[in-house]
């Protein structure tokens, strides 16, 4: 469920007053990691 909704979670997080480095880290590593896992699982190939 977390992986299903990670894209929206990351967009929401980017709106918060997080540090600049955390924004960079989360989008560079965390988003890519979840995208790869979601697509490998198959769920990442479905529509929103």
ModelCIF file with pLDDT and N, C-alpha, C, O atoms, coordinates in Angstrom:
data_MODEL
#
_entry.id   MODEL 
#
_entity.id                         1 
_entity.type                       polymer 
_entity.pdbx_number_of_molecules   1 
#
_entity_poly.entity_id                      1 
_entity_poly.type                           'polypeptide(L)' 
_entity_poly.nstd_linkage                   no 
_entity_poly.nstd_monomer                   no 
_entity_poly.pdbx_seq_one_letter_code       
;(UNK)(UNK)(UNK)(UNK)(UNK)(UNK)(UNK)(UNK)(UNK)(UNK)(UNK)(UNK)(UNK)(UNK)(UNK)(UNK)
(UNK)(UNK)(UNK)(UNK)(UNK)(UNK)(UNK)(UNK)(UNK)(UNK)(UNK)(UNK)(UNK)(UNK)(UNK)(UNK)
(UNK)(UNK)(UNK)(UNK)(UNK)(UNK)(UNK)(UNK)(UNK)(UNK)(UNK)(UNK)(UNK)(UNK)(UNK)(UNK)
;
_entity_poly.pdbx_seq_one_letter_code_can   XXXXXXXXXXXXXXXXXXXXXXXXXXXXXXXXXXXXXXXXXXXXXXXX 
_entity_poly.pdbx_strand_id                 A 
#
loop_
_entity_poly_seq.entity_id 
_entity_poly_seq.num 
_entity_poly_seq.mon_id 
_entity_poly_seq.hetero 
1 1  UNK n 
1 2  UNK n 
1 3  UNK n 
1 4  UNK n 
1 5  UNK n 
1 6  UNK n 
1 7  UNK n 
1 8  UNK n 
1 9  UNK n 
1 10 UNK n 
1 11 UNK n 
1 12 UNK n 
1 13 UNK n 
1 14 UNK n 
1 15 UNK n 
1 16 UNK n 
1 17 UNK n 
1 18 UNK n 
1 19 UNK n 
1 20 UNK n 
1 21 UNK n 
1 22 UNK n 
1 23 UNK n 
1 24 UNK n 
1 25 UNK n 
1 26 UNK n 
1 27 UNK n 
1 28 UNK n 
1 29 UNK n 
1 30 UNK n 
1 31 UNK n 
1 32 UNK n 
1 33 UNK n 
1 34 UNK n 
1 35 UNK n 
1 36 UNK n 
1 37 UNK n 
1 38 UNK n 
1 39 UNK n 
1 40 UNK n 
1 41 UNK n 
1 42 UNK n 
1 43 UNK n 
1 44 UNK n 
1 45 UNK n 
1 46 UNK n 
1 47 UNK n 
1 48 UNK n 
#
_struct_asym.id          A 
_struct_asym.entity_id   1 
#
loop_
_ma_qa_metric.id 
_ma_qa_metric.mode 
_ma_qa_metric.name 
_ma_qa_metric.software_group_id 
_ma_qa_metric.type 
1 global pLDDT . pLDDT 
2 local  pLDDT . pLDDT 
#
_ma_qa_metric_global.metric_id      1 
_ma_qa_metric_global.metric_value   53.08 
_ma_qa_metric_global.model_id       1 
_ma_qa_metric_global.ordinal_id     1 
#
loop_
_ma_qa_metric_local.label_asym_id 
_ma_qa_metric_local.label_comp_id 
_ma_qa_metric_local.label_seq_id 
_ma_qa_metric_local.metric_id 
_ma_qa_metric_local.metric_value 
_ma_qa_metric_local.model_id 
_ma_qa_metric_local.ordinal_id 
A UNK 1  2 51.00 1 1  
A UNK 2  2 55.00 1 2  
A UNK 3  2 53.00 1 3  
A UNK 4  2 49.00 1 4  
A UNK 5  2 52.00 1 5  
A UNK 6  2 48.00 1 6  
A UNK 7  2 50.00 1 7  
A UNK 8  2 50.00 1 8  
A UNK 9  2 47.00 1 9  
A UNK 10 2 46.00 1 10 
A UNK 11 2 48.00 1 11 
A UNK 12 2 45.00 1 12 
A UNK 13 2 47.00 1 13 
A UNK 14 2 48.00 1 14 
A UNK 15 2 45.00 1 15 
A UNK 16 2 53.00 1 16 
A UNK 17 2 51.00 1 17 
A UNK 18 2 58.00 1 18 
A UNK 19 2 62.00 1 19 
A UNK 20 2 62.00 1 20 
A UNK 21 2 56.00 1 21 
A UNK 22 2 60.00 1 22 
A UNK 23 2 59.00 1 23 
A UNK 24 2 56.00 1 24 
A UNK 25 2 57.00 1 25 
A UNK 26 2 58.00 1 26 
A UNK 27 2 55.00 1 27 
A UNK 28 2 54.00 1 28 
A UNK 29 2 56.00 1 29 
A UNK 30 2 57.00 1 30 
A UNK 31 2 55.00 1 31 
A UNK 32 2 58.00 1 32 
A UNK 33 2 56.00 1 33 
A UNK 34 2 57.00 1 34 
A UNK 35 2 54.00 1 35 
A UNK 36 2 58.00 1 36 
A UNK 37 2 56.00 1 37 
A UNK 38 2 53.00 1 38 
A UNK 39 2 51.00 1 39 
A UNK 40 2 48.00 1 40 
A UNK 41 2 49.00 1 41 
A UNK 42 2 47.00 1 42 
A UNK 43 2 46.00 1 43 
A UNK 44 2 47.00 1 44 
A UNK 45 2 51.00 1 45 
A UNK 46 2 51.00 1 46 
A UNK 47 2 62.00 1 47 
A UNK 48 2 61.00 1 48 
#
loop_
_atom_site.group_PDB 
_atom_site.id 
_atom_site.type_symbol 
_atom_site.label_atom_id 
_atom_site.label_alt_id 
_atom_site.label_comp_id 
_atom_site.label_asym_id 
_atom_site.label_entity_id 
_atom_site.label_seq_id 
_atom_site.pdbx_PDB_ins_code 
_atom_site.Cartn_x 
_atom_site.Cartn_y 
_atom_site.Cartn_z 
_atom_site.occupancy 
_atom_site.B_iso_or_equiv 
_atom_site.pdbx_formal_charge 
_atom_site.auth_seq_id 
_atom_site.auth_comp_id 
_atom_site.auth_asym_id 
_atom_site.auth_atom_id 
_atom_site.pdbx_PDB_model_num 
ATOM 1   N N  . UNK A 1 1  ? 0.828  -1.199 0.000   1.00 51.00 ? 1  UNK A N  1 
ATOM 2   C CA . UNK A 1 1  ? 0.000  0.000  0.000   1.00 51.00 ? 1  UNK A CA 1 
ATOM 3   C C  . UNK A 1 1  ? 0.864  1.251  0.000   1.00 51.00 ? 1  UNK A C  1 
ATOM 4   O O  . UNK A 1 1  ? 0.569  2.221  -0.698  1.00 51.00 ? 1  UNK A O  1 
ATOM 5   N N  . UNK A 1 2  ? 1.934  1.222  0.789   1.00 55.00 ? 2  UNK A N  1 
ATOM 6   C CA . UNK A 1 2  ? 2.842  2.366  0.805   1.00 55.00 ? 2  UNK A CA 1 
ATOM 7   C C  . UNK A 1 2  ? 3.457  2.579  -0.577  1.00 55.00 ? 2  UNK A C  1 
ATOM 8   O O  . UNK A 1 2  ? 3.553  3.709  -1.056  1.00 55.00 ? 2  UNK A O  1 
ATOM 9   N N  . UNK A 1 3  ? 3.869  1.490  -1.206  1.00 53.00 ? 3  UNK A N  1 
ATOM 10  C CA . UNK A 1 3  ? 4.485  1.615  -2.523  1.00 53.00 ? 3  UNK A CA 1 
ATOM 11  C C  . UNK A 1 3  ? 3.477  2.069  -3.569  1.00 53.00 ? 3  UNK A C  1 
ATOM 12  O O  . UNK A 1 3  ? 3.831  2.771  -4.517  1.00 53.00 ? 3  UNK A O  1 
ATOM 13  N N  . UNK A 1 4  ? 2.205  1.663  -3.394  1.00 49.00 ? 4  UNK A N  1 
ATOM 14  C CA . UNK A 1 4  ? 1.172  2.092  -4.330  1.00 49.00 ? 4  UNK A CA 1 
ATOM 15  C C  . UNK A 1 4  ? 1.021  3.604  -4.323  1.00 49.00 ? 4  UNK A C  1 
ATOM 16  O O  . UNK A 1 4  ? 0.791  4.224  -5.362  1.00 49.00 ? 4  UNK A O  1 
ATOM 17  N N  . UNK A 1 5  ? 1.154  4.186  -3.141  1.00 52.00 ? 5  UNK A N  1 
ATOM 18  C CA . UNK A 1 5  ? 0.825  5.597  -2.980  1.00 52.00 ? 5  UNK A CA 1 
ATOM 19  C C  . UNK A 1 5  ? 2.064  6.473  -2.839  1.00 52.00 ? 5  UNK A C  1 
ATOM 20  O O  . UNK A 1 5  ? 1.950  7.651  -2.502  1.00 52.00 ? 5  UNK A O  1 
ATOM 21  N N  . UNK A 1 6  ? 3.248  5.913  -3.091  1.00 48.00 ? 6  UNK A N  1 
ATOM 22  C CA . UNK A 1 6  ? 4.472  6.657  -2.792  1.00 48.00 ? 6  UNK A CA 1 
ATOM 23  C C  . UNK A 1 6  ? 4.605  7.924  -3.620  1.00 48.00 ? 6  UNK A C  1 
ATOM 24  O O  . UNK A 1 6  ? 5.147  8.919  -3.138  1.00 48.00 ? 6  UNK A O  1 
ATOM 25  N N  . UNK A 1 7  ? 4.124  7.910  -4.852  1.00 50.00 ? 7  UNK A N  1 
ATOM 26  C CA . UNK A 1 7  ? 4.291  9.080  -5.712  1.00 50.00 ? 7  UNK A CA 1 
ATOM 27  C C  . UNK A 1 7  ? 3.563  10.276 -5.131  1.00 50.00 ? 7  UNK A C  1 
ATOM 28  O O  . UNK A 1 7  ? 4.115  11.375 -5.063  1.00 50.00 ? 7  UNK A O  1 
ATOM 29  N N  . UNK A 1 8  ? 2.306  10.062 -4.707  1.00 50.00 ? 8  UNK A N  1 
ATOM 30  C CA . UNK A 1 8  ? 1.547  11.144 -4.089  1.00 50.00 ? 8  UNK A CA 1 
ATOM 31  C C  . UNK A 1 8  ? 2.157  11.553 -2.761  1.00 50.00 ? 8  UNK A C  1 
ATOM 32  O O  . UNK A 1 8  ? 2.167  12.734 -2.413  1.00 50.00 ? 8  UNK A O  1 
ATOM 33  N N  . UNK A 1 9  ? 2.674  10.564 -2.009  1.00 47.00 ? 9  UNK A N  1 
ATOM 34  C CA . UNK A 1 9  ? 3.306  10.878 -0.725  1.00 47.00 ? 9  UNK A CA 1 
ATOM 35  C C  . UNK A 1 9  ? 4.503  11.790 -0.937  1.00 47.00 ? 9  UNK A C  1 
ATOM 36  O O  . UNK A 1 9  ? 4.699  12.744 -0.185  1.00 47.00 ? 9  UNK A O  1 
ATOM 37  N N  . UNK A 1 10 ? 5.305  11.504 -1.956  1.00 46.00 ? 10 UNK A N  1 
ATOM 38  C CA . UNK A 1 10 ? 6.497  12.299 -2.207  1.00 46.00 ? 10 UNK A CA 1 
ATOM 39  C C  . UNK A 1 10 ? 6.132  13.703 -2.663  1.00 46.00 ? 10 UNK A C  1 
ATOM 40  O O  . UNK A 1 10 ? 6.802  14.670 -2.302  1.00 46.00 ? 10 UNK A O  1 
ATOM 41  N N  . UNK A 1 11 ? 5.056  13.820 -3.469  1.00 48.00 ? 11 UNK A N  1 
ATOM 42  C CA . UNK A 1 11 ? 4.607  15.146 -3.880  1.00 48.00 ? 11 UNK A CA 1 
ATOM 43  C C  . UNK A 1 11 ? 4.138  15.942 -2.675  1.00 48.00 ? 11 UNK A C  1 
ATOM 44  O O  . UNK A 1 11 ? 4.402  17.139 -2.570  1.00 48.00 ? 11 UNK A O  1 
ATOM 45  N N  . UNK A 1 12 ? 3.428  15.258 -1.748  1.00 45.00 ? 12 UNK A N  1 
ATOM 46  C CA . UNK A 1 12 ? 2.961  15.930 -0.548  1.00 45.00 ? 12 UNK A CA 1 
ATOM 47  C C  . UNK A 1 12 ? 4.137  16.341 0.327   1.00 45.00 ? 12 UNK A C  1 
ATOM 48  O O  . UNK A 1 12 ? 4.166  17.441 0.879   1.00 45.00 ? 12 UNK A O  1 
ATOM 49  N N  . UNK A 1 13 ? 5.123  15.421 0.443   1.00 47.00 ? 13 UNK A N  1 
ATOM 50  C CA . UNK A 1 13 ? 6.287  15.717 1.270   1.00 47.00 ? 13 UNK A CA 1 
ATOM 51  C C  . UNK A 1 13 ? 7.055  16.911 0.734   1.00 47.00 ? 13 UNK A C  1 
ATOM 52  O O  . UNK A 1 13 ? 7.598  17.703 1.504   1.00 47.00 ? 13 UNK A O  1 
ATOM 53  N N  . UNK A 1 14 ? 7.101  17.043 -0.593  1.00 48.00 ? 14 UNK A N  1 
ATOM 54  C CA . UNK A 1 14 ? 7.885  18.130 -1.171  1.00 48.00 ? 14 UNK A CA 1 
ATOM 55  C C  . UNK A 1 14 ? 7.276  19.484 -0.846  1.00 48.00 ? 14 UNK A C  1 
ATOM 56  O O  . UNK A 1 14 ? 7.945  20.513 -0.943  1.00 48.00 ? 14 UNK A O  1 
ATOM 57  N N  . UNK A 1 15 ? 6.002  19.483 -0.459  1.00 45.00 ? 15 UNK A N  1 
ATOM 58  C CA . UNK A 1 15 ? 5.351  20.735 -0.118  1.00 45.00 ? 15 UNK A CA 1 
ATOM 59  C C  . UNK A 1 15 ? 5.616  21.132 1.326   1.00 45.00 ? 15 UNK A C  1 
ATOM 60  O O  . UNK A 1 15 ? 5.410  22.283 1.714   1.00 45.00 ? 15 UNK A O  1 
ATOM 61  N N  . UNK A 1 16 ? 6.078  20.159 2.124   1.00 53.00 ? 16 UNK A N  1 
ATOM 62  C CA . UNK A 1 16 ? 6.355  20.457 3.521   1.00 53.00 ? 16 UNK A CA 1 
ATOM 63  C C  . UNK A 1 16 ? 7.672  21.220 3.630   1.00 53.00 ? 16 UNK A C  1 
ATOM 64  O O  . UNK A 1 16 ? 8.438  21.314 2.671   1.00 53.00 ? 16 UNK A O  1 
ATOM 65  N N  . UNK A 1 17 ? 7.909  21.750 4.795   1.00 51.00 ? 17 UNK A N  1 
ATOM 66  C CA . UNK A 1 17 ? 9.120  22.547 5.007   1.00 51.00 ? 17 UNK A CA 1 
ATOM 67  C C  . UNK A 1 17 ? 10.293 21.647 5.382   1.00 51.00 ? 17 UNK A C  1 
ATOM 68  O O  . UNK A 1 17 ? 10.932 21.833 6.418   1.00 51.00 ? 17 UNK A O  1 
ATOM 69  N N  . UNK A 1 18 ? 10.563 20.663 4.514   1.00 58.00 ? 18 UNK A N  1 
ATOM 70  C CA . UNK A 1 18 ? 11.689 19.777 4.788   1.00 58.00 ? 18 UNK A CA 1 
ATOM 71  C C  . UNK A 1 18 ? 12.974 20.440 4.292   1.00 58.00 ? 18 UNK A C  1 
ATOM 72  O O  . UNK A 1 18 ? 12.944 21.399 3.521   1.00 58.00 ? 18 UNK A O  1 
ATOM 73  N N  . UNK A 1 19 ? 14.085 19.909 4.752   1.00 62.00 ? 19 UNK A N  1 
ATOM 74  C CA . UNK A 1 19 ? 15.359 20.484 4.344   1.00 62.00 ? 19 UNK A CA 1 
ATOM 75  C C  . UNK A 1 19 ? 15.586 20.271 2.852   1.00 62.00 ? 19 UNK A C  1 
ATOM 76  O O  . UNK A 1 19 ? 15.049 19.335 2.259   1.00 62.00 ? 19 UNK A O  1 
ATOM 77  N N  . UNK A 1 20 ? 16.379 21.140 2.260   1.00 62.00 ? 20 UNK A N  1 
ATOM 78  C CA . UNK A 1 20 ? 16.653 21.046 0.822   1.00 62.00 ? 20 UNK A CA 1 
ATOM 79  C C  . UNK A 1 20 ? 17.338 19.732 0.485   1.00 62.00 ? 20 UNK A C  1 
ATOM 80  O O  . UNK A 1 20 ? 17.063 19.125 -0.550  1.00 62.00 ? 20 UNK A O  1 
ATOM 81  N N  . UNK A 1 21 ? 18.236 19.294 1.369   1.00 56.00 ? 21 UNK A N  1 
ATOM 82  C CA . UNK A 1 21 ? 18.956 18.050 1.104   1.00 56.00 ? 21 UNK A CA 1 
ATOM 83  C C  . UNK A 1 21 ? 18.013 16.861 1.162   1.00 56.00 ? 21 UNK A C  1 
ATOM 84  O O  . UNK A 1 21 ? 18.140 15.934 0.362   1.00 56.00 ? 21 UNK A O  1 
ATOM 85  N N  . UNK A 1 22 ? 17.061 16.872 2.104   1.00 60.00 ? 22 UNK A N  1 
ATOM 86  C CA . UNK A 1 22 ? 16.127 15.758 2.203   1.00 60.00 ? 22 UNK A CA 1 
ATOM 87  C C  . UNK A 1 22 ? 15.236 15.682 0.966   1.00 60.00 ? 22 UNK A C  1 
ATOM 88  O O  . UNK A 1 22 ? 14.926 14.587 0.497   1.00 60.00 ? 22 UNK A O  1 
ATOM 89  N N  . UNK A 1 23 ? 14.824 16.827 0.435   1.00 59.00 ? 23 UNK A N  1 
ATOM 90  C CA . UNK A 1 23 ? 14.047 16.816 -0.801  1.00 59.00 ? 23 UNK A CA 1 
ATOM 91  C C  . UNK A 1 23 ? 14.841 16.139 -1.922  1.00 59.00 ? 23 UNK A C  1 
ATOM 92  O O  . UNK A 1 23 ? 14.323 15.288 -2.646  1.00 59.00 ? 23 UNK A O  1 
ATOM 93  N N  . UNK A 1 24 ? 16.103 16.537 -2.044  1.00 56.00 ? 24 UNK A N  1 
ATOM 94  C CA . UNK A 1 24 ? 16.959 15.956 -3.077  1.00 56.00 ? 24 UNK A CA 1 
ATOM 95  C C  . UNK A 1 24 ? 17.143 14.457 -2.850  1.00 56.00 ? 24 UNK A C  1 
ATOM 96  O O  . UNK A 1 24 ? 17.031 13.667 -3.787  1.00 56.00 ? 24 UNK A O  1 
ATOM 97  N N  . UNK A 1 25 ? 17.425 14.069 -1.608  1.00 57.00 ? 25 UNK A N  1 
ATOM 98  C CA . UNK A 1 25 ? 17.670 12.657 -1.290  1.00 57.00 ? 25 UNK A CA 1 
ATOM 99  C C  . UNK A 1 25 ? 16.444 11.812 -1.549  1.00 57.00 ? 25 UNK A C  1 
ATOM 100 O O  . UNK A 1 25 ? 16.542 10.740 -2.147  1.00 57.00 ? 25 UNK A O  1 
ATOM 101 N N  . UNK A 1 26 ? 15.274 12.287 -1.098  1.00 58.00 ? 26 UNK A N  1 
ATOM 102 C CA . UNK A 1 26 ? 14.054 11.492 -1.227  1.00 58.00 ? 26 UNK A CA 1 
ATOM 103 C C  . UNK A 1 26 ? 13.679 11.279 -2.683  1.00 58.00 ? 26 UNK A C  1 
ATOM 104 O O  . UNK A 1 26 ? 13.271 10.182 -3.065  1.00 58.00 ? 26 UNK A O  1 
ATOM 105 N N  . UNK A 1 27 ? 13.814 12.319 -3.502  1.00 55.00 ? 27 UNK A N  1 
ATOM 106 C CA . UNK A 1 27 ? 13.438 12.179 -4.900  1.00 55.00 ? 27 UNK A CA 1 
ATOM 107 C C  . UNK A 1 27 ? 14.486 11.411 -5.702  1.00 55.00 ? 27 UNK A C  1 
ATOM 108 O O  . UNK A 1 27 ? 14.139 10.675 -6.626  1.00 55.00 ? 27 UNK A O  1 
ATOM 109 N N  . UNK A 1 28 ? 15.744 11.573 -5.361  1.00 54.00 ? 28 UNK A N  1 
ATOM 110 C CA . UNK A 1 28 ? 16.802 10.891 -6.111  1.00 54.00 ? 28 UNK A CA 1 
ATOM 111 C C  . UNK A 1 28 ? 16.848 9.401  -5.801  1.00 54.00 ? 28 UNK A C  1 
ATOM 112 O O  . UNK A 1 28 ? 17.008 8.585  -6.710  1.00 54.00 ? 28 UNK A O  1 
ATOM 113 N N  . UNK A 1 29 ? 16.710 9.035  -4.527  1.00 56.00 ? 29 UNK A N  1 
ATOM 114 C CA . UNK A 1 29 ? 16.867 7.645  -4.129  1.00 56.00 ? 29 UNK A CA 1 
ATOM 115 C C  . UNK A 1 29 ? 15.538 6.957  -3.827  1.00 56.00 ? 29 UNK A C  1 
ATOM 116 O O  . UNK A 1 29 ? 15.252 5.891  -4.371  1.00 56.00 ? 29 UNK A O  1 
ATOM 117 N N  . UNK A 1 30 ? 14.724 7.566  -2.960  1.00 57.00 ? 30 UNK A N  1 
ATOM 118 C CA . UNK A 1 30 ? 13.528 6.892  -2.501  1.00 57.00 ? 30 UNK A CA 1 
ATOM 119 C C  . UNK A 1 30 ? 12.517 6.714  -3.624  1.00 57.00 ? 30 UNK A C  1 
ATOM 120 O O  . UNK A 1 30 ? 11.950 5.631  -3.770  1.00 57.00 ? 30 UNK A O  1 
ATOM 121 N N  . UNK A 1 31 ? 12.277 7.754  -4.423  1.00 55.00 ? 31 UNK A N  1 
ATOM 122 C CA . UNK A 1 31 ? 11.318 7.652  -5.519  1.00 55.00 ? 31 UNK A CA 1 
ATOM 123 C C  . UNK A 1 31 ? 11.776 6.634  -6.554  1.00 55.00 ? 31 UNK A C  1 
ATOM 124 O O  . UNK A 1 31 ? 10.986 5.809  -7.012  1.00 55.00 ? 31 UNK A O  1 
ATOM 125 N N  . UNK A 1 32 ? 13.055 6.692  -6.922  1.00 58.00 ? 32 UNK A N  1 
ATOM 126 C CA . UNK A 1 32 ? 13.553 5.754  -7.913  1.00 58.00 ? 32 UNK A CA 1 
ATOM 127 C C  . UNK A 1 32 ? 13.451 4.314  -7.421  1.00 58.00 ? 32 UNK A C  1 
ATOM 128 O O  . UNK A 1 32 ? 13.102 3.409  -8.178  1.00 58.00 ? 32 UNK A O  1 
ATOM 129 N N  . UNK A 1 33 ? 13.762 4.118  -6.132  1.00 56.00 ? 33 UNK A N  1 
ATOM 130 C CA . UNK A 1 33 ? 13.698 2.775  -5.547  1.00 56.00 ? 33 UNK A CA 1 
ATOM 131 C C  . UNK A 1 33 ? 12.279 2.238  -5.599  1.00 56.00 ? 33 UNK A C  1 
ATOM 132 O O  . UNK A 1 33 ? 12.070 1.086  -5.980  1.00 56.00 ? 33 UNK A O  1 
ATOM 133 N N  . UNK A 1 34 ? 11.292 3.057  -5.220  1.00 57.00 ? 34 UNK A N  1 
ATOM 134 C CA . UNK A 1 34 ? 9.911  2.603  -5.225  1.00 57.00 ? 34 UNK A CA 1 
ATOM 135 C C  . UNK A 1 34 ? 9.367  2.418  -6.635  1.00 57.00 ? 34 UNK A C  1 
ATOM 136 O O  . UNK A 1 34 ? 8.607  1.485  -6.891  1.00 57.00 ? 34 UNK A O  1 
ATOM 137 N N  . UNK A 1 35 ? 9.754  3.303  -7.552  1.00 54.00 ? 35 UNK A N  1 
ATOM 138 C CA . UNK A 1 35 ? 9.334  3.123  -8.943  1.00 54.00 ? 35 UNK A CA 1 
ATOM 139 C C  . UNK A 1 35 ? 9.825  1.794  -9.490  1.00 54.00 ? 35 UNK A C  1 
ATOM 140 O O  . UNK A 1 35 ? 9.069  1.059  -10.125 1.00 54.00 ? 35 UNK A O  1 
ATOM 141 N N  . UNK A 1 36 ? 11.095 1.486  -9.242  1.00 58.00 ? 36 UNK A N  1 
ATOM 142 C CA . UNK A 1 36 ? 11.673 0.247  -9.738  1.00 58.00 ? 36 UNK A CA 1 
ATOM 143 C C  . UNK A 1 36 ? 10.970 -0.964 -9.135  1.00 58.00 ? 36 UNK A C  1 
ATOM 144 O O  . UNK A 1 36 ? 10.641 -1.912 -9.848  1.00 58.00 ? 36 UNK A O  1 
ATOM 145 N N  . UNK A 1 37 ? 10.735 -0.934 -7.800  1.00 56.00 ? 37 UNK A N  1 
ATOM 146 C CA . UNK A 1 37 ? 10.075 -2.051 -7.146  1.00 56.00 ? 37 UNK A CA 1 
ATOM 147 C C  . UNK A 1 37 ? 8.631  -2.203 -7.600  1.00 56.00 ? 37 UNK A C  1 
ATOM 148 O O  . UNK A 1 37 ? 8.160  -3.319 -7.823  1.00 56.00 ? 37 UNK A O  1 
ATOM 149 N N  . UNK A 1 38 ? 7.924  -1.078 -7.739  1.00 53.00 ? 38 UNK A N  1 
ATOM 150 C CA . UNK A 1 38 ? 6.521  -1.131 -8.144  1.00 53.00 ? 38 UNK A CA 1 
ATOM 151 C C  . UNK A 1 38 ? 6.370  -1.691 -9.549  1.00 53.00 ? 38 UNK A C  1 
ATOM 152 O O  . UNK A 1 38 ? 5.470  -2.489 -9.812  1.00 53.00 ? 38 UNK A O  1 
ATOM 153 N N  . UNK A 1 39 ? 7.249  -1.275 -10.451 1.00 51.00 ? 39 UNK A N  1 
ATOM 154 C CA . UNK A 1 39 ? 7.168  -1.773 -11.820 1.00 51.00 ? 39 UNK A CA 1 
ATOM 155 C C  . UNK A 1 39 ? 7.578  -3.243 -11.895 1.00 51.00 ? 39 UNK A C  1 
ATOM 156 O O  . UNK A 1 39 ? 6.999  -4.011 -12.663 1.00 51.00 ? 39 UNK A O  1 
ATOM 157 N N  . UNK A 1 40 ? 8.572  -3.633 -11.102 1.00 48.00 ? 40 UNK A N  1 
ATOM 158 C CA . UNK A 1 40 ? 8.989  -5.031 -11.084 1.00 48.00 ? 40 UNK A CA 1 
ATOM 159 C C  . UNK A 1 40 ? 7.874  -5.918 -10.555 1.00 48.00 ? 40 UNK A C  1 
ATOM 160 O O  . UNK A 1 40 ? 7.669  -7.031 -11.040 1.00 48.00 ? 40 UNK A O  1 
ATOM 161 N N  . UNK A 1 41 ? 7.155  -5.416 -9.557  1.00 49.00 ? 41 UNK A N  1 
ATOM 162 C CA . UNK A 1 41 ? 6.035  -6.167 -8.989  1.00 49.00 ? 41 UNK A CA 1 
ATOM 163 C C  . UNK A 1 41 ? 4.875  -6.246 -9.967  1.00 49.00 ? 41 UNK A C  1 
ATOM 164 O O  . UNK A 1 41 ? 4.117  -7.216 -9.963  1.00 49.00 ? 41 UNK A O  1 
ATOM 165 N N  . UNK A 1 42 ? 4.737  -5.228 -10.803 1.00 47.00 ? 42 UNK A N  1 
ATOM 166 C CA . UNK A 1 42 ? 3.644  -5.194 -11.767 1.00 47.00 ? 42 UNK A CA 1 
ATOM 167 C C  . UNK A 1 42 ? 2.629  -4.125 -11.459 1.00 47.00 ? 42 UNK A C  1 
ATOM 168 O O  . UNK A 1 42 ? 1.948  -3.640 -12.363 1.00 47.00 ? 42 UNK A O  1 
ATOM 169 N N  . UNK A 1 43 ? 2.510  -3.740 -10.175 1.00 46.00 ? 43 UNK A N  1 
ATOM 170 C CA . UNK A 1 43 ? 1.500  -2.763 -9.774  1.00 46.00 ? 43 UNK A CA 1 
ATOM 171 C C  . UNK A 1 43 ? 1.801  -1.386 -10.347 1.00 46.00 ? 43 UNK A C  1 
ATOM 172 O O  . UNK A 1 43 ? 0.894  -0.583 -10.567 1.00 46.00 ? 43 UNK A O  1 
ATOM 173 N N  . UNK A 1 44 ? 3.094  -1.117 -10.590 1.00 47.00 ? 44 UNK A N  1 
ATOM 174 C CA . UNK A 1 44 ? 3.479  0.182  -11.110 1.00 47.00 ? 44 UNK A CA 1 
ATOM 175 C C  . UNK A 1 44 ? 3.110  0.389  -12.570 1.00 47.00 ? 44 UNK A C  1 
ATOM 176 O O  . UNK A 1 44 ? 3.331  1.468  -13.121 1.00 47.00 ? 44 UNK A O  1 
ATOM 177 N N  . UNK A 1 45 ? 2.551  -0.635 -13.197 1.00 51.00 ? 45 UNK A N  1 
ATOM 178 C CA . UNK A 1 45 ? 2.164  -0.525 -14.595 1.00 51.00 ? 45 UNK A CA 1 
ATOM 179 C C  . UNK A 1 45 ? 0.689  -0.152 -14.759 1.00 51.00 ? 45 UNK A C  1 
ATOM 180 O O  . UNK A 1 45 ? 0.221  0.070  -15.876 1.00 51.00 ? 45 UNK A O  1 
ATOM 181 N N  . UNK A 1 46 ? -0.044 -0.084 -13.635 1.00 51.00 ? 46 UNK A N  1 
ATOM 182 C CA . UNK A 1 46 ? -1.460 0.281  -13.678 1.00 51.00 ? 46 UNK A CA 1 
ATOM 183 C C  . UNK A 1 46 ? -1.628 1.795  -13.683 1.00 51.00 ? 46 UNK A C  1 
ATOM 184 O O  . UNK A 1 46 ? -0.704 2.537  -13.351 1.00 51.00 ? 46 UNK A O  1 
ATOM 185 N N  . UNK A 1 47 ? -2.833 2.243  -14.069 1.00 62.00 ? 47 UNK A N  1 
ATOM 186 C CA . UNK A 1 47 ? -3.142 3.666  -14.032 1.00 62.00 ? 47 UNK A CA 1 
ATOM 187 C C  . UNK A 1 47 ? -3.341 4.111  -12.592 1.00 62.00 ? 47 UNK A C  1 
ATOM 188 O O  . UNK A 1 47 ? -3.510 3.279  -11.701 1.00 62.00 ? 47 UNK A O  1 
ATOM 189 N N  . UNK A 1 48 ? -3.320 5.426  -12.360 1.00 61.00 ? 48 UNK A N  1 
ATOM 190 C CA . UNK A 1 48 ? -3.547 5.967  -11.023 1.00 61.00 ? 48 UNK A CA 1 
ATOM 191 C C  . UNK A 1 48 ? -4.905 5.531  -10.478 1.00 61.00 ? 48 UNK A C  1 
ATOM 192 O O  . UNK A 1 48 ? -5.267 5.894  -9.359  1.00 61.00 ? 48 UNK A O  1 
#
